[in-house]
Each structure stands twice: as structure tokens, then as C-alpha cells.
Amino acid sequence: MVRLWRLRKDHRSIEALLRASTDSDGVGLEIHYNGEATYSRRWPTDELAAKDADARLRDFQRQGWATHW
């Protein structure tokens, strides 16, 4: 699993994780809120999953979330 980004706001966190498939079925993108998975989707390529994660990152940043590694 690879972390793409992590955000913080008011003692809460959101992170985007890429999970490689074991059956060559693409890659999974997971969004975790305070450590619990709240969103999961499979993409055929890493590039498509990263684009989805980047779009979600921008949405969260517009809502006042700050990048935190």
C-alpha cells in the first residue's frame, strides 16, 4: 500500500492510499477518514487512480484541509 497524500484539520485526518491488486485487476484507491476506509474504487491503471485522488485532494483543500505528511 502506498500513501499518496494525507490531510489534517481540527485533529482529524484524511489520507489517500493506493493498493496494488494481487490478480492484476488494476489498482485500488482508498480514502481513509481518521483511519477508517470511507471510499474505495478500483481503477485499471495507477494513473487513473492518481487522477481521482488528486481531484479529491483539491476538493478537500478547498474545504480548508491542510496537507500533512
C-alpha atoms as a PDB file:
ATOM      1  CA  MET A   1       0.000   0.000   0.000  1.00  0.00           C
ATOM      2  CA  VAL A   2       1.289   3.453  -0.930  1.00  0.00           C
ATOM      3  CA  ARG A   3       0.133   6.712   0.651  1.00  0.00           C
ATOM      4  CA  LEU A   4      -0.459   9.413  -1.972  1.00  0.00           C
ATOM      5  CA  TRP A   5      -1.326  12.219   0.432  1.00  0.00           C
ATOM      6  CA  ARG A   6      -2.508  12.970   3.951  1.00  0.00           C
ATOM      7  CA  LEU A   7      -4.528  15.928   5.213  1.00  0.00           C
ATOM      8  CA  ARG A   8      -5.241  17.347   8.682  1.00  0.00           C
ATOM      9  CA  LYS A   9      -7.966  19.608  10.038  1.00  0.00           C
ATOM     10  CA  ASP A  10      -9.067  20.117  13.650  1.00  0.00           C
ATOM     11  CA  HIS A  11      -7.358  16.924  14.951  1.00  0.00           C
ATOM     12  CA  ARG A  12      -8.881  14.838  12.131  1.00  0.00           C
ATOM     13  CA  SER A  13      -7.087  13.223   9.212  1.00  0.00           C
ATOM     14  CA  ILE A  14      -7.856  12.031   5.699  1.00  0.00           C
ATOM     15  CA  GLU A  15      -5.446  10.026   3.572  1.00  0.00           C
ATOM     16  CA  ALA A  16      -5.441   8.521   0.095  1.00  0.00           C
ATOM     17  CA  LEU A  17      -3.893   5.080  -0.346  1.00  0.00           C
ATOM     18  CA  LEU A  18      -3.160   3.010  -3.454  1.00  0.00           C
ATOM     19  CA  ARG A  19      -3.489  -0.732  -3.060  1.00  0.00           C
ATOM     20  CA  ALA A  20      -1.999  -2.962  -5.753  1.00  0.00           C
ATOM     21  CA  SER A  21      -4.133  -5.862  -6.881  1.00  0.00           C
ATOM     22  CA  THR A  22      -2.893  -9.414  -6.468  1.00  0.00           C
ATOM     23  CA  ASP A  23      -4.806 -10.648  -9.517  1.00  0.00           C
ATOM     24  CA  SER A  24      -3.676  -7.946 -11.990  1.00  0.00           C
ATOM     25  CA  ASP A  25      -7.153  -6.438 -11.810  1.00  0.00           C
ATOM     26  CA  GLY A  26      -5.850  -2.875 -11.684  1.00  0.00           C
ATOM     27  CA  VAL A  27      -5.248  -0.803  -8.592  1.00  0.00           C
ATOM     28  CA  GLY A  28      -7.470   0.183  -5.694  1.00  0.00           C
ATOM     29  CA  LEU A  29      -7.815   3.732  -4.406  1.00  0.00           C
ATOM     30  CA  GLU A  30      -8.917   4.036  -0.792  1.00  0.00           C
ATOM     31  CA  ILE A  31      -9.737   7.206   1.135  1.00  0.00           C
ATOM     32  CA  HIS A  32      -9.479   6.844   4.917  1.00  0.00           C
ATOM     33  CA  TYR A  33     -11.047   9.264   7.402  1.00  0.00           C
ATOM     34  CA  ASN A  34      -9.474   9.017  10.873  1.00  0.00           C
ATOM     35  CA  GLY A  35      -8.103   5.595   9.946  1.00  0.00           C
ATOM     36  CA  GLU A  36     -11.339   4.088   8.613  1.00  0.00           C
ATOM     37  CA  ALA A  37     -11.972   3.435   4.932  1.00  0.00           C
ATOM     38  CA  THR A  38     -14.778   5.670   3.658  1.00  0.00           C
ATOM     39  CA  TYR A  39     -14.225   5.332  -0.098  1.00  0.00           C
ATOM     40  CA  SER A  40     -12.851   2.550  -2.262  1.00  0.00           C
ATOM     41  CA  ARG A  41     -12.692   2.184  -6.037  1.00  0.00           C
ATOM     42  CA  ARG A  42     -10.731   0.039  -8.465  1.00  0.00           C
ATOM     43  CA  TRP A  43      -9.016   1.621 -11.453  1.00  0.00           C
ATOM     44  CA  PRO A  44      -7.366  -0.169 -14.398  1.00  0.00           C
ATOM     45  CA  THR A  45      -4.156   1.889 -14.049  1.00  0.00           C
ATOM     46  CA  ASP A  46      -2.175   3.743 -11.383  1.00  0.00           C
ATOM     47  CA  GLU A  47      -2.505   6.916 -13.462  1.00  0.00           C
ATOM     48  CA  LEU A  48      -6.319   6.899 -13.379  1.00  0.00           C
ATOM     49  CA  ALA A  49      -6.356   6.187  -9.648  1.00  0.00           C
ATOM     50  CA  ALA A  50      -3.908   9.050  -9.029  1.00  0.00           C
ATOM     51  CA  LYS A  51      -6.075  11.451 -11.073  1.00  0.00           C
ATOM     52  CA  ASP A  52      -9.099  10.528  -8.940  1.00  0.00           C
ATOM     53  CA  ALA A  53      -7.042  11.034  -5.756  1.00  0.00           C
ATOM     54  CA  ASP A  54      -5.742  14.418  -6.998  1.00  0.00           C
ATOM     55  CA  ALA A  55      -9.278  15.629  -7.734  1.00  0.00           C
ATOM     56  CA  ARG A  56     -10.383  14.609  -4.233  1.00  0.00           C
ATOM     57  CA  LEU A  57      -7.318  16.300  -2.729  1.00  0.00           C
ATOM     58  CA  ARG A  58      -8.212  19.598  -4.399  1.00  0.00           C
ATOM     59  CA  ASP A  59     -11.819  19.308  -3.140  1.00  0.00           C
ATOM     60  CA  PHE A  60     -10.645  18.749   0.444  1.00  0.00           C
ATOM     61  CA  GLN A  61      -8.168  21.629   0.226  1.00  0.00           C
ATOM     62  CA  ARG A  62     -10.973  23.948  -0.908  1.00  0.00           C
ATOM     63  CA  GLN A  63     -12.800  22.912   2.275  1.00  0.00           C
ATOM     64  CA  GLY A  64      -9.872  24.015   4.426  1.00  0.00           C
ATOM     65  CA  TRP A  65      -7.944  20.776   4.863  1.00  0.00           C
ATOM     66  CA  ALA A  66      -4.151  21.221   5.029  1.00  0.00           C
ATOM     67  CA  THR A  67      -1.501  18.856   3.691  1.00  0.00           C
ATOM     68  CA  HIS A  68       0.289  16.897   6.391  1.00  0.00           C
ATOM     69  CA  TRP A  69       2.743  14.056   5.939  1.00  0.00           C
END
